[in-house]
Amino acid sequence: MSTINITNARKDLYNLVESVGLYHEPALIVGKKANAVLVSEEDWSAIQETLYLDSIPLMTQSILEGAKEPIESCIPEEMVEW
């Protein structure tokens, strides 16, 4: 994670936002009284989705077990009933 002081972040906010979005690397913005982390919208959505799925009882365990399943034993996507 890159670190930038708040004065420089303010001066170069456009490029900072572009960089965070392009490289998916958060930026730590350091202020006098507090710090903040800038993340891309896409990364923030992924974080929120992960937290949501992790909040569902046994969901993490189910995902990990499913990842171990050999692809050959899975049904084709077009046969999945949504």
C-alpha atoms as a PDB file:
ATOM      1  CA  MET A   1       0.000   0.000   0.000  1.00  0.00           C
ATOM      2  CA  SER A   2       1.416   3.356  -0.968  1.00  0.00           C
ATOM      3  CA  THR A   3       1.459   6.184   1.550  1.00  0.00           C
ATOM      4  CA  ILE A   4       0.937   9.859   0.796  1.00  0.00           C
ATOM      5  CA  ASN A   5       0.451  12.842   3.066  1.00  0.00           C
ATOM      6  CA  ILE A   6      -2.860  14.645   2.868  1.00  0.00           C
ATOM      7  CA  THR A   7      -1.413  17.830   1.350  1.00  0.00           C
ATOM      8  CA  ASN A   8       0.131  15.951  -1.565  1.00  0.00           C
ATOM      9  CA  ALA A   9      -2.983  13.804  -1.945  1.00  0.00           C
ATOM     10  CA  ARG A  10      -5.085  16.954  -2.275  1.00  0.00           C
ATOM     11  CA  LYS A  11      -2.700  18.412  -4.868  1.00  0.00           C
ATOM     12  CA  ASP A  12      -2.702  15.254  -6.983  1.00  0.00           C
ATOM     13  CA  LEU A  13      -6.124  13.781  -6.233  1.00  0.00           C
ATOM     14  CA  TYR A  14      -7.016  13.104  -9.866  1.00  0.00           C
ATOM     15  CA  ASN A  15      -3.868  11.029 -10.473  1.00  0.00           C
ATOM     16  CA  LEU A  16      -4.190   9.313  -7.099  1.00  0.00           C
ATOM     17  CA  VAL A  17      -7.734   8.161  -7.904  1.00  0.00           C
ATOM     18  CA  GLU A  18      -6.673   7.029 -11.381  1.00  0.00           C
ATOM     19  CA  SER A  19      -3.741   5.040  -9.955  1.00  0.00           C
ATOM     20  CA  VAL A  20      -5.848   3.341  -7.281  1.00  0.00           C
ATOM     21  CA  GLY A  21      -8.401   2.354  -9.903  1.00  0.00           C
ATOM     22  CA  LEU A  22      -5.867   1.162 -12.467  1.00  0.00           C
ATOM     23  CA  TYR A  23      -3.507  -0.817 -10.235  1.00  0.00           C
ATOM     24  CA  HIS A  24      -5.987  -1.910  -7.524  1.00  0.00           C
ATOM     25  CA  GLU A  25      -3.500  -0.878  -4.838  1.00  0.00           C
ATOM     26  CA  PRO A  26      -4.983   1.169  -1.983  1.00  0.00           C
ATOM     27  CA  ALA A  27      -3.390   4.423  -0.895  1.00  0.00           C
ATOM     28  CA  LEU A  28      -2.914   5.371   2.749  1.00  0.00           C
ATOM     29  CA  ILE A  29      -3.554   9.098   3.152  1.00  0.00           C
ATOM     30  CA  VAL A  30      -1.863  10.385   6.285  1.00  0.00           C
ATOM     31  CA  GLY A  31      -3.256  13.463   8.040  1.00  0.00           C
ATOM     32  CA  LYS A  32      -2.311  15.303  11.216  1.00  0.00           C
ATOM     33  CA  LYS A  33      -5.191  13.944  13.286  1.00  0.00           C
ATOM     34  CA  ALA A  34      -6.300  10.872  11.356  1.00  0.00           C
ATOM     35  CA  ASN A  35      -5.485   8.635   8.420  1.00  0.00           C
ATOM     36  CA  ALA A  36      -7.693   7.274   5.648  1.00  0.00           C
ATOM     37  CA  VAL A  37      -7.412   4.611   2.985  1.00  0.00           C
ATOM     38  CA  LEU A  38      -8.442   5.248  -0.611  1.00  0.00           C
ATOM     39  CA  VAL A  39      -9.585   2.157  -2.533  1.00  0.00           C
ATOM     40  CA  SER A  40     -11.182   1.830  -5.953  1.00  0.00           C
ATOM     41  CA  GLU A  41     -14.943   1.441  -6.182  1.00  0.00           C
ATOM     42  CA  GLU A  42     -14.461  -2.001  -7.720  1.00  0.00           C
ATOM     43  CA  ASP A  43     -12.235  -3.126  -4.837  1.00  0.00           C
ATOM     44  CA  TRP A  44     -14.627  -1.659  -2.272  1.00  0.00           C
ATOM     45  CA  SER A  45     -17.521  -3.600  -3.829  1.00  0.00           C
ATOM     46  CA  ALA A  46     -15.459  -6.800  -3.720  1.00  0.00           C
ATOM     47  CA  ILE A  47     -14.640  -6.200  -0.055  1.00  0.00           C
ATOM     48  CA  GLN A  48     -18.318  -5.626   0.755  1.00  0.00           C
ATOM     49  CA  GLU A  49     -19.357  -8.765  -1.114  1.00  0.00           C
ATOM     50  CA  THR A  50     -16.728 -10.834   0.694  1.00  0.00           C
ATOM     51  CA  LEU A  51     -17.874  -9.520   4.074  1.00  0.00           C
ATOM     52  CA  TYR A  52     -21.497 -10.251   3.175  1.00  0.00           C
ATOM     53  CA  LEU A  53     -20.786 -13.815   2.047  1.00  0.00           C
ATOM     54  CA  ASP A  54     -18.637 -14.410   5.119  1.00  0.00           C
ATOM     55  CA  SER A  55     -21.537 -13.286   7.326  1.00  0.00           C
ATOM     56  CA  ILE A  56     -23.782 -16.098   6.052  1.00  0.00           C
ATOM     57  CA  PRO A  57     -23.423 -19.141   8.326  1.00  0.00           C
ATOM     58  CA  LEU A  58     -21.417 -21.946   6.696  1.00  0.00           C
ATOM     59  CA  MET A  59     -21.031 -20.017   3.394  1.00  0.00           C
ATOM     60  CA  THR A  60     -17.228 -19.831   3.609  1.00  0.00           C
ATOM     61  CA  GLN A  61     -17.056 -23.554   4.346  1.00  0.00           C
ATOM     62  CA  SER A  62     -19.372 -24.283   1.394  1.00  0.00           C
ATOM     63  CA  ILE A  63     -17.262 -22.196  -0.992  1.00  0.00           C
ATOM     64  CA  LEU A  64     -14.040 -23.864   0.143  1.00  0.00           C
ATOM     65  CA  GLU A  65     -15.579 -27.320  -0.258  1.00  0.00           C
ATOM     66  CA  GLY A  66     -16.920 -26.411  -3.691  1.00  0.00           C
ATOM     67  CA  ALA A  67     -13.478 -25.233  -4.797  1.00  0.00           C
ATOM     68  CA  LYS A  68     -12.136 -28.741  -4.094  1.00  0.00           C
ATOM     69  CA  GLU A  69     -14.713 -30.354  -6.392  1.00  0.00           C
ATOM     70  CA  PRO A  70     -13.139 -31.579  -9.655  1.00  0.00           C
ATOM     71  CA  ILE A  71     -14.468 -29.622 -12.634  1.00  0.00           C
ATOM     72  CA  GLU A  72     -15.275 -32.888 -14.412  1.00  0.00           C
ATOM     73  CA  SER A  73     -17.843 -33.779 -11.763  1.00  0.00           C
ATOM     74  CA  CYS A  74     -19.706 -30.468 -12.090  1.00  0.00           C
ATOM     75  CA  ILE A  75     -22.765 -30.054 -14.272  1.00  0.00           C
ATOM     76  CA  PRO A  76     -22.515 -27.704 -17.294  1.00  0.00           C
ATOM     77  CA  GLU A  77     -23.475 -24.105 -16.651  1.00  0.00           C
ATOM     78  CA  GLU A  78     -26.411 -24.244 -19.102  1.00  0.00           C
ATOM     79  CA  MET A  79     -27.972 -26.985 -16.948  1.00  0.00           C
ATOM     80  CA  VAL A  80     -27.983 -24.858 -13.801  1.00  0.00           C
ATOM     81  CA  GLU A  81     -31.462 -23.712 -12.854  1.00  0.00           C
ATOM     82  CA  TRP A  82     -31.309 -20.189 -11.479  1.00  0.00           C
END
